[in-house]
Amino acid sequence: MFKTFAKAWNIKDVRRRLICIFIALLVYRLGAHVYLPAMDLNLIAAAKAGITSQQSLFSIIAGGGYASIFALGIGPYITASIILQLLTVAIPKLEQIKKEGEEGRKKIDQYTRITAILLSIMQGAGYVFTLKDMFVYKNMFVYFMALTALVTGSIFVMWLGEFLNEFGIGNGSSFIIFANILSGLPTGIMSLYFYGSGADIYNWIKVAVLVVLFVIIIGFVVWVQDGERRIPVQYSKKMVGQFAGNNNSYIPIKVNIAGVMSIIFAISLLQFPTTIHQIWKSAKLEKLINFLSITNPWGTLIYIFLIFCFTFFYTSFAINPIEMAENMKKNGGFIPGIRPGKSTSDYIQTTVDRLSWIGAVFYSIIAIMPVVFQWIFGFRVGFGGTTLLIVTGVALEIIKQLESQLLMRHYKGFLS
């Protein structure tokens, strides 16, 4: 990994892209520490100590600092992307626009931006409402200025993600989430240190076991992230009515097709009552929030159920077996032992379904690990399986992107 970074740094174009990533993430992290206007810092510090584990997990994935101008972070953009993906499947007009190539993608991206701005306004209004008692001056002008700062910050983070898409390496939104997680890593390490520094020597044993478990989890995540099922495909070449040879290939289908999106979908849905409760206080909603909390056994079961549902749902429109079978048939390809057409699409669908079951079980185990560790070790860990899944996934993607950049320039130099 370090050799790859060293080689990439020696290439001017790649080095420029890496510098853009560092500068963008530095600006983002600095903005996460700029609080909203007229906030009482003492009340903010007290509120941070009372954040629940589920809220902190959601803020780590989507947000950028409690009560800061980047508090909404990339959250509205992620939610807007989810909504547009769902609507693309449900509305034929949007599906037709998506199939228009580059122009269609630009239109979908523009709809996503507009939806993200509308969501940031709504979420920002609810967020300001929850912080209304933390302002030094309590009047409508201050509330409006805070809402403007939140919406502007969310738009800037959205632009920052697209900037990294164009001038960085890999997905810009993933880098922002990656930066959020790494910023909380020192706090998690310090919490382990303070827990182990108690009078009981068994606390250090628990910390050591926990560290070993995290190392095993990282290895397990890397193993599953790179796992894929390769479906063999043969393409026949014909020249003047006679076979000139066969071209053997394969279709790679990854185990984690949905990636971390199924976990993000599930968290977003579980957080919906909390968002409503921020605007409209209700005792029934508060009971529902406590029931849906992942620290509650019933909430954990619902969380796992949602992960399974969203894994299969996301996979259903990420891979289209019928389209794959048709393209294979048009190009003269076939799977050995499987008839072209419907039999091929059914075979691909069965393979995808089996991999989805494996992926859903994997995501569920990773997602509930912080809760399991809290039940076993008796204290809340500042980072868990979901954060490790995101960090390792983004890290592996960075390495693959850098290797592809190096390979492309290697071939370019060879041909020149």
Protein backbone atom coordinates (compact mmCIF):
# COMPACT_ATOMS: atom_id res chain seq x y z
CA MET A 1 0.00 0.00 0.00
CA PHE A 2 2.77 2.46 0.97
CA LYS A 3 4.72 1.56 -2.17
CA THR A 4 1.63 2.35 -4.24
CA PHE A 5 1.29 5.78 -2.61
CA ALA A 6 5.01 6.45 -3.10
CA LYS A 7 4.85 5.56 -6.80
CA ALA A 8 1.66 7.58 -7.27
CA TRP A 9 3.20 10.62 -5.56
CA ASN A 10 6.04 10.63 -8.10
CA ILE A 11 3.55 11.14 -10.96
CA LYS A 12 2.69 14.82 -11.37
CA ASP A 13 -0.97 14.42 -12.38
CA VAL A 14 -1.74 11.89 -9.63
CA ARG A 15 0.13 13.99 -7.08
CA ARG A 16 -2.02 16.98 -8.02
CA ARG A 17 -5.15 14.91 -7.46
CA LEU A 18 -3.93 13.71 -4.05
CA ILE A 19 -3.15 17.30 -3.02
CA CYS A 20 -6.68 18.33 -4.06
CA ILE A 21 -8.07 15.57 -1.81
CA PHE A 22 -5.97 16.67 1.17
CA ILE A 23 -6.89 20.34 0.78
CA ALA A 24 -10.62 19.63 0.31
CA LEU A 25 -10.77 17.35 3.37
CA LEU A 26 -8.79 19.88 5.42
CA VAL A 27 -11.27 22.63 4.52
CA TYR A 28 -14.14 20.30 5.38
CA ARG A 29 -12.71 19.36 8.77
CA LEU A 30 -11.98 23.01 9.62
CA GLY A 31 -15.57 23.93 8.74
CA ALA A 32 -16.84 21.16 11.02
CA HIS A 33 -15.43 23.14 13.96
CA VAL A 34 -17.06 26.45 13.00
CA TYR A 35 -20.22 26.69 15.11
CA LEU A 36 -23.48 28.32 14.11
CA PRO A 37 -23.86 32.02 15.00
CA ALA A 38 -24.85 33.00 18.57
CA MET A 39 -24.40 29.52 20.05
CA ASP A 40 -23.64 28.88 23.75
CA LEU A 41 -20.47 26.75 23.70
CA ASN A 42 -21.00 25.42 27.23
CA LEU A 43 -24.43 24.07 26.32
CA ILE A 44 -23.00 22.53 23.13
CA ALA A 45 -20.32 20.70 25.13
CA ALA A 46 -22.95 19.35 27.52
CA ALA A 47 -25.19 18.24 24.64
CA LYS A 48 -22.35 16.38 22.91
CA ALA A 49 -21.87 14.21 25.99
CA GLY A 50 -25.50 13.08 25.82
CA ILE A 51 -25.63 11.99 22.18
CA THR A 52 -26.86 8.41 21.81
CA SER A 53 -24.87 5.75 19.98
CA GLN A 54 -27.36 5.55 17.11
CA GLN A 55 -27.37 9.33 16.62
CA SER A 56 -23.58 9.45 16.73
CA LEU A 57 -23.38 6.68 14.12
CA PHE A 58 -25.69 8.59 11.80
CA SER A 59 -23.77 11.84 12.36
CA ILE A 60 -20.49 10.03 11.67
CA ILE A 61 -21.79 8.71 8.35
CA ALA A 62 -23.62 11.82 7.14
CA GLY A 63 -22.85 14.83 9.34
CA GLY A 64 -19.94 17.14 9.88
CA GLY A 65 -19.82 18.34 13.49
CA TYR A 66 -22.50 18.95 16.10
CA ALA A 67 -24.03 22.46 15.87
CA SER A 68 -21.48 23.48 13.19
CA ILE A 69 -22.11 25.05 9.80
CA PHE A 70 -21.44 21.60 8.31
CA ALA A 71 -23.75 19.82 10.77
CA LEU A 72 -25.98 18.47 7.99
CA GLY A 73 -22.89 17.44 6.05
CA ILE A 74 -23.38 15.12 3.12
CA GLY A 75 -26.61 13.74 4.66
CA PRO A 76 -29.15 15.61 2.48
CA TYR A 77 -27.22 14.69 -0.67
CA ILE A 78 -27.09 11.00 0.29
CA THR A 79 -30.82 11.02 1.10
CA ALA A 80 -31.57 12.79 -2.19
CA SER A 81 -29.53 10.19 -4.08
CA ILE A 82 -31.51 7.41 -2.40
CA ILE A 83 -34.82 9.10 -3.27
CA LEU A 84 -33.83 9.59 -6.93
CA GLN A 85 -32.68 5.97 -7.18
CA LEU A 86 -36.03 4.80 -5.84
CA LEU A 87 -37.97 7.14 -8.12
CA THR A 88 -35.92 6.04 -11.14
CA VAL A 89 -37.17 2.50 -10.57
CA ALA A 90 -40.77 3.56 -9.86
CA ILE A 91 -41.23 6.29 -12.53
CA PRO A 92 -40.74 5.20 -16.19
CA LYS A 93 -39.98 8.80 -17.30
CA LEU A 94 -36.97 9.02 -14.97
CA GLU A 95 -35.86 5.55 -16.03
CA GLN A 96 -35.96 6.69 -19.65
CA ILE A 97 -33.92 9.80 -18.80
CA LYS A 98 -31.34 7.63 -17.04
CA LYS A 99 -30.89 5.55 -20.21
CA GLU A 100 -30.10 8.64 -22.31
CA GLY A 101 -26.40 8.32 -21.58
CA GLU A 102 -24.29 11.25 -20.40
CA GLU A 103 -27.06 13.82 -20.88
CA GLY A 104 -29.49 11.70 -18.90
CA ARG A 105 -26.98 11.30 -16.08
CA LYS A 106 -26.51 15.09 -15.93
CA LYS A 107 -30.28 15.60 -15.65
CA ILE A 108 -30.54 13.03 -12.84
CA ASP A 109 -27.62 14.70 -11.06
CA GLN A 110 -29.34 18.09 -11.35
CA TYR A 111 -32.58 16.66 -9.93
CA THR A 112 -30.53 15.15 -7.09
CA ARG A 113 -28.96 18.54 -6.28
CA ILE A 114 -32.34 20.30 -6.21
CA THR A 115 -33.80 17.58 -3.98
CA ALA A 116 -30.76 17.81 -1.69
CA ILE A 117 -31.25 21.57 -1.28
CA LEU A 118 -34.94 21.13 -0.43
CA LEU A 119 -34.08 18.39 2.08
CA SER A 120 -31.35 20.55 3.64
CA ILE A 121 -33.88 23.34 4.17
CA MET A 122 -36.33 20.97 5.88
CA GLN A 123 -33.70 19.17 7.93
CA GLY A 124 -32.00 22.45 8.77
CA ALA A 125 -35.27 23.92 10.09
CA GLY A 126 -35.75 20.88 12.33
CA TYR A 127 -32.12 21.03 13.45
CA VAL A 128 -32.36 24.73 14.39
CA PHE A 129 -35.59 23.97 16.25
CA THR A 130 -33.78 21.36 18.39
CA LEU A 131 -30.98 23.84 19.13
CA LYS A 132 -33.23 26.80 19.92
CA ASP A 133 -32.43 26.65 23.65
CA MET A 134 -28.66 26.72 22.97
CA PHE A 135 -28.64 30.14 21.30
CA VAL A 136 -27.45 33.10 23.32
CA TYR A 137 -29.95 35.34 21.55
CA LYS A 138 -33.34 33.77 20.94
CA ASN A 139 -35.13 35.56 18.10
CA MET A 140 -36.28 34.79 14.57
CA PHE A 141 -33.38 36.65 12.94
CA VAL A 142 -30.80 34.45 14.72
CA TYR A 143 -32.76 31.31 13.83
CA PHE A 144 -32.93 32.41 10.19
CA MET A 145 -29.20 33.10 10.09
CA ALA A 146 -28.49 29.68 11.60
CA LEU A 147 -30.74 28.00 9.01
CA THR A 148 -29.03 29.92 6.21
CA ALA A 149 -25.62 28.82 7.51
CA LEU A 150 -26.75 25.17 7.67
CA VAL A 151 -28.20 25.14 4.14
CA THR A 152 -25.18 26.98 2.73
CA GLY A 153 -22.83 24.57 4.50
CA SER A 154 -24.73 21.56 3.14
CA ILE A 155 -24.58 22.97 -0.41
CA PHE A 156 -20.86 23.62 -0.02
CA VAL A 157 -20.25 20.05 1.19
CA MET A 158 -22.28 18.76 -1.77
CA TRP A 159 -20.12 20.86 -4.12
CA LEU A 160 -17.00 19.62 -2.32
CA GLY A 161 -18.04 16.02 -2.98
CA GLU A 162 -18.54 16.73 -6.70
CA PHE A 163 -15.22 18.59 -6.76
CA LEU A 164 -13.48 15.48 -5.43
CA ASN A 165 -15.32 13.37 -8.02
CA GLU A 166 -13.78 15.47 -10.80
CA PHE A 167 -10.36 16.41 -9.46
CA GLY A 168 -9.76 13.67 -6.88
CA ILE A 169 -9.55 9.90 -7.02
CA GLY A 170 -12.71 7.86 -6.51
CA ASN A 171 -16.06 8.92 -5.06
CA GLY A 172 -16.07 12.32 -3.35
CA SER A 173 -18.94 11.54 -0.97
CA SER A 174 -17.10 8.45 0.24
CA PHE A 175 -14.04 10.58 1.01
CA ILE A 176 -16.14 12.96 3.11
CA ILE A 177 -17.66 10.09 5.09
CA PHE A 178 -14.14 8.64 5.37
CA ALA A 179 -12.91 11.93 6.87
CA ASN A 180 -15.82 11.97 9.34
CA ILE A 181 -14.94 8.51 10.61
CA LEU A 182 -11.21 9.15 10.92
CA SER A 183 -11.90 12.37 12.85
CA GLY A 184 -13.66 10.32 15.53
CA LEU A 185 -10.91 7.69 15.72
CA PRO A 186 -8.79 9.53 18.37
CA THR A 187 -11.86 9.87 20.61
CA GLY A 188 -12.53 6.14 20.33
CA ILE A 189 -8.91 5.32 21.17
CA MET A 190 -8.97 7.66 24.18
CA SER A 191 -12.20 6.07 25.43
CA LEU A 192 -10.51 2.66 25.33
CA TYR A 193 -7.48 4.06 27.14
CA PHE A 194 -9.53 5.66 29.92
CA TYR A 195 -11.57 2.47 30.31
CA GLY A 196 -8.41 0.37 30.63
CA SER A 197 -6.68 2.79 33.00
CA GLY A 198 -9.12 2.02 35.81
CA ALA A 199 -8.26 0.19 38.99
CA ASP A 200 -9.46 -3.16 37.67
CA ILE A 201 -6.75 -5.03 35.73
CA TYR A 202 -9.46 -6.95 33.86
CA ASN A 203 -10.34 -3.74 32.03
CA TRP A 204 -7.02 -3.91 30.17
CA ILE A 205 -7.72 -7.52 29.29
CA LYS A 206 -11.09 -6.47 27.85
CA VAL A 207 -9.43 -3.68 25.86
CA ALA A 208 -6.80 -6.11 24.50
CA VAL A 209 -9.49 -8.61 23.47
CA LEU A 210 -11.46 -5.80 21.84
CA VAL A 211 -8.44 -4.63 19.83
CA VAL A 212 -7.76 -8.20 18.65
CA LEU A 213 -11.41 -8.52 17.62
CA PHE A 214 -11.21 -5.30 15.63
CA VAL A 215 -8.10 -6.55 13.80
CA ILE A 216 -9.93 -9.78 12.96
CA ILE A 217 -12.96 -7.77 11.77
CA ILE A 218 -10.76 -5.65 9.50
CA GLY A 219 -9.26 -8.79 7.94
CA PHE A 220 -12.74 -10.28 7.54
CA VAL A 221 -14.05 -7.09 5.91
CA VAL A 222 -11.13 -6.94 3.46
CA TRP A 223 -11.68 -10.60 2.58
CA VAL A 224 -15.38 -10.10 1.86
CA GLN A 225 -14.83 -6.77 0.06
CA ASP A 226 -12.58 -8.49 -2.48
CA GLY A 227 -14.80 -11.57 -2.75
CA GLU A 228 -16.57 -12.13 -6.04
CA ARG A 229 -18.27 -14.88 -8.03
CA ARG A 230 -16.88 -15.22 -11.53
CA ILE A 231 -19.41 -16.57 -14.03
CA PRO A 232 -17.54 -18.06 -17.03
CA VAL A 233 -18.58 -16.77 -20.46
CA GLN A 234 -17.49 -17.92 -23.91
CA TYR A 235 -17.64 -15.67 -26.97
CA SER A 236 -17.43 -17.25 -30.42
CA LYS A 237 -15.78 -15.49 -33.34
CA LYS A 238 -16.92 -16.35 -36.87
CA MET A 239 -15.01 -15.63 -40.04
CA VAL A 240 -16.50 -16.58 -43.45
CA GLY A 241 -18.94 -18.98 -41.87
CA GLN A 242 -16.26 -20.87 -39.96
CA PHE A 243 -15.16 -20.61 -36.37
CA ALA A 244 -11.86 -18.78 -36.12
CA GLY A 245 -11.50 -19.33 -32.37
CA ASN A 246 -13.08 -18.88 -28.97
CA ASN A 247 -12.67 -15.97 -26.56
CA ASN A 248 -13.17 -17.08 -22.97
CA SER A 249 -14.07 -14.49 -20.37
CA TYR A 250 -16.10 -14.15 -17.17
CA ILE A 251 -18.63 -11.89 -15.48
CA PRO A 252 -17.44 -10.79 -11.99
CA ILE A 253 -20.25 -10.37 -9.46
CA LYS A 254 -19.10 -9.07 -6.09
CA VAL A 255 -20.38 -10.43 -2.80
CA ASN A 256 -21.01 -6.93 -1.46
CA ILE A 257 -23.01 -5.61 -4.41
CA ALA A 258 -24.98 -3.20 -2.24
CA GLY A 259 -21.90 -2.16 -0.29
CA VAL A 260 -22.55 -0.04 2.77
CA MET A 261 -25.62 1.53 1.13
CA SER A 262 -27.95 -1.05 2.69
CA ILE A 263 -26.74 -0.03 6.17
CA ILE A 264 -27.09 3.68 5.33
CA PHE A 265 -30.62 3.08 4.00
CA ALA A 266 -31.56 1.22 7.19
CA ILE A 267 -30.11 3.90 9.47
CA SER A 268 -31.86 6.65 7.48
CA LEU A 269 -35.22 4.92 7.89
CA LEU A 270 -34.70 4.29 11.60
CA GLN A 271 -33.71 7.94 12.06
CA PHE A 272 -36.87 9.24 10.35
CA PRO A 273 -38.98 9.29 13.57
CA THR A 274 -36.13 11.17 15.29
CA THR A 275 -36.20 13.81 12.53
CA ILE A 276 -39.97 14.21 12.95
CA HIS A 277 -39.56 14.38 16.74
CA GLN A 278 -37.15 17.29 16.36
CA ILE A 279 -39.95 19.36 14.81
CA TRP A 280 -43.01 17.90 16.54
CA LYS A 281 -42.55 16.78 20.12
CA SER A 282 -44.68 13.78 21.05
CA ALA A 283 -44.56 11.19 23.82
CA LYS A 284 -45.64 8.46 21.39
CA LEU A 285 -42.85 9.39 18.99
CA GLU A 286 -40.36 9.29 21.85
CA LYS A 287 -41.49 5.77 22.74
CA LEU A 288 -41.18 4.77 19.08
CA ILE A 289 -37.64 6.21 18.94
CA ASN A 290 -36.64 4.24 22.02
CA PHE A 291 -38.23 1.11 20.55
CA LEU A 292 -36.34 1.54 17.26
CA SER A 293 -33.01 2.23 18.97
CA ILE A 294 -30.39 -0.34 18.03
CA THR A 295 -29.57 -0.74 21.72
CA ASN A 296 -33.08 -2.21 22.13
CA PRO A 297 -33.27 -5.93 21.13
CA TRP A 298 -36.43 -5.30 19.08
CA GLY A 299 -34.78 -2.32 17.41
CA THR A 300 -31.77 -4.50 16.61
CA LEU A 301 -34.01 -7.12 14.96
CA ILE A 302 -35.79 -4.44 12.92
CA TYR A 303 -32.39 -3.01 11.96
CA ILE A 304 -31.22 -6.42 10.69
CA PHE A 305 -34.51 -6.95 8.83
CA LEU A 306 -34.14 -3.58 7.08
CA ILE A 307 -30.55 -4.38 6.11
CA PHE A 308 -31.74 -7.60 4.45
CA CYS A 309 -34.57 -5.78 2.64
CA PHE A 310 -32.39 -2.94 1.37
CA THR A 311 -29.60 -5.32 0.34
CA PHE A 312 -31.94 -7.20 -1.98
CA PHE A 313 -33.65 -3.99 -3.09
CA TYR A 314 -30.42 -2.19 -3.97
CA THR A 315 -29.08 -5.28 -5.74
CA SER A 316 -32.28 -5.59 -7.78
CA PHE A 317 -31.62 -2.37 -9.70
CA ALA A 318 -27.81 -2.46 -9.47
CA ILE A 319 -27.73 -5.65 -11.57
CA ASN A 320 -30.21 -6.45 -14.34
CA PRO A 321 -29.87 -10.17 -15.27
CA ILE A 322 -32.27 -9.87 -18.25
CA GLU A 323 -30.25 -7.03 -19.78
CA MET A 324 -26.99 -8.90 -19.12
CA ALA A 325 -28.34 -12.02 -20.83
CA GLU A 326 -29.56 -10.03 -23.84
CA ASN A 327 -26.23 -8.24 -24.26
CA MET A 328 -24.41 -11.54 -23.95
CA LYS A 329 -26.63 -13.10 -26.63
CA LYS A 330 -26.17 -10.14 -29.01
CA ASN A 331 -22.39 -10.45 -28.75
CA GLY A 332 -22.45 -14.19 -29.34
CA GLY A 333 -21.64 -15.09 -25.77
CA PHE A 334 -23.00 -17.88 -23.62
CA ILE A 335 -22.43 -19.50 -20.25
CA PRO A 336 -21.14 -23.07 -20.66
CA GLY A 337 -23.95 -25.52 -19.90
CA ILE A 338 -26.65 -22.81 -19.86
CA ARG A 339 -28.93 -22.00 -22.80
CA PRO A 340 -28.90 -18.36 -24.01
CA GLY A 341 -31.90 -16.19 -23.18
CA LYS A 342 -34.19 -16.80 -20.24
CA SER A 343 -32.13 -19.70 -18.84
CA THR A 344 -29.08 -17.44 -18.72
CA SER A 345 -30.93 -14.61 -16.98
CA ASP A 346 -32.41 -17.06 -14.46
CA TYR A 347 -28.95 -18.48 -13.76
CA ILE A 348 -27.50 -14.99 -13.20
CA GLN A 349 -30.49 -14.04 -11.00
CA THR A 350 -30.03 -17.17 -8.86
CA THR A 351 -26.32 -16.40 -8.45
CA VAL A 352 -27.04 -12.78 -7.49
CA ASP A 353 -29.69 -13.86 -4.97
CA ARG A 354 -27.30 -16.29 -3.28
CA LEU A 355 -24.59 -13.62 -3.08
CA SER A 356 -27.16 -11.15 -1.70
CA TRP A 357 -27.99 -13.55 1.15
CA ILE A 358 -24.29 -13.85 1.97
CA GLY A 359 -23.84 -10.07 1.76
CA ALA A 360 -26.91 -9.35 3.92
CA VAL A 361 -25.69 -11.71 6.65
CA PHE A 362 -22.26 -10.09 6.47
CA TYR A 363 -23.67 -6.55 6.71
CA SER A 364 -25.92 -7.51 9.61
CA ILE A 365 -23.03 -9.00 11.59
CA ILE A 366 -20.88 -5.94 10.95
CA ALA A 367 -23.69 -3.47 11.76
CA ILE A 368 -24.67 -4.89 15.15
CA MET A 369 -21.11 -5.41 16.40
CA PRO A 370 -21.01 -2.13 18.41
CA VAL A 371 -24.20 -3.20 20.21
CA VAL A 372 -22.84 -6.69 20.86
CA PHE A 373 -19.58 -5.25 22.19
CA GLN A 374 -21.56 -2.94 24.47
CA TRP A 375 -23.55 -5.89 25.82
CA ILE A 376 -20.42 -8.01 26.35
CA PHE A 377 -17.85 -5.47 27.55
CA GLY A 378 -20.22 -3.11 29.34
CA PHE A 379 -19.19 0.17 27.69
CA ARG A 380 -19.96 1.95 24.44
CA VAL A 381 -17.24 1.81 21.80
CA GLY A 382 -16.78 5.03 19.82
CA PHE A 383 -16.31 3.14 16.55
CA GLY A 384 -17.70 -0.14 15.32
CA GLY A 385 -18.23 -2.54 12.46
CA THR A 386 -20.06 -0.13 10.15
CA THR A 387 -17.34 2.50 10.41
CA LEU A 388 -14.67 -0.16 9.83
CA LEU A 389 -16.62 -1.39 6.79
CA ILE A 390 -16.68 2.12 5.32
CA VAL A 391 -13.03 2.88 6.15
CA THR A 392 -11.70 -0.37 4.68
CA GLY A 393 -13.97 -0.08 1.64
CA VAL A 394 -12.82 3.47 0.86
CA ALA A 395 -9.18 2.56 1.55
CA LEU A 396 -9.35 -0.42 -0.81
CA GLU A 397 -11.03 1.76 -3.44
CA ILE A 398 -8.25 4.36 -3.13
CA ILE A 399 -5.59 1.68 -3.62
CA LYS A 400 -7.40 0.24 -6.65
CA GLN A 401 -7.82 3.70 -8.20
CA LEU A 402 -4.15 4.51 -7.65
CA GLU A 403 -3.09 1.17 -9.13
CA SER A 404 -5.28 1.76 -12.19
CA GLN A 405 -3.78 5.25 -12.60
CA LEU A 406 -0.27 3.79 -12.38
CA LEU A 407 -1.13 0.99 -14.81
CA MET A 408 -2.62 3.43 -17.32
CA ARG A 409 0.49 5.62 -17.25
CA HIS A 410 2.74 2.57 -17.43
CA TYR A 411 1.07 1.42 -20.66
CA LYS A 412 1.12 4.99 -22.00
CA GLY A 413 4.86 5.25 -21.44
CA PHE A 414 5.39 1.79 -22.99
CA LEU A 415 3.48 2.65 -26.15
CA SER A 416 5.15 6.04 -26.54
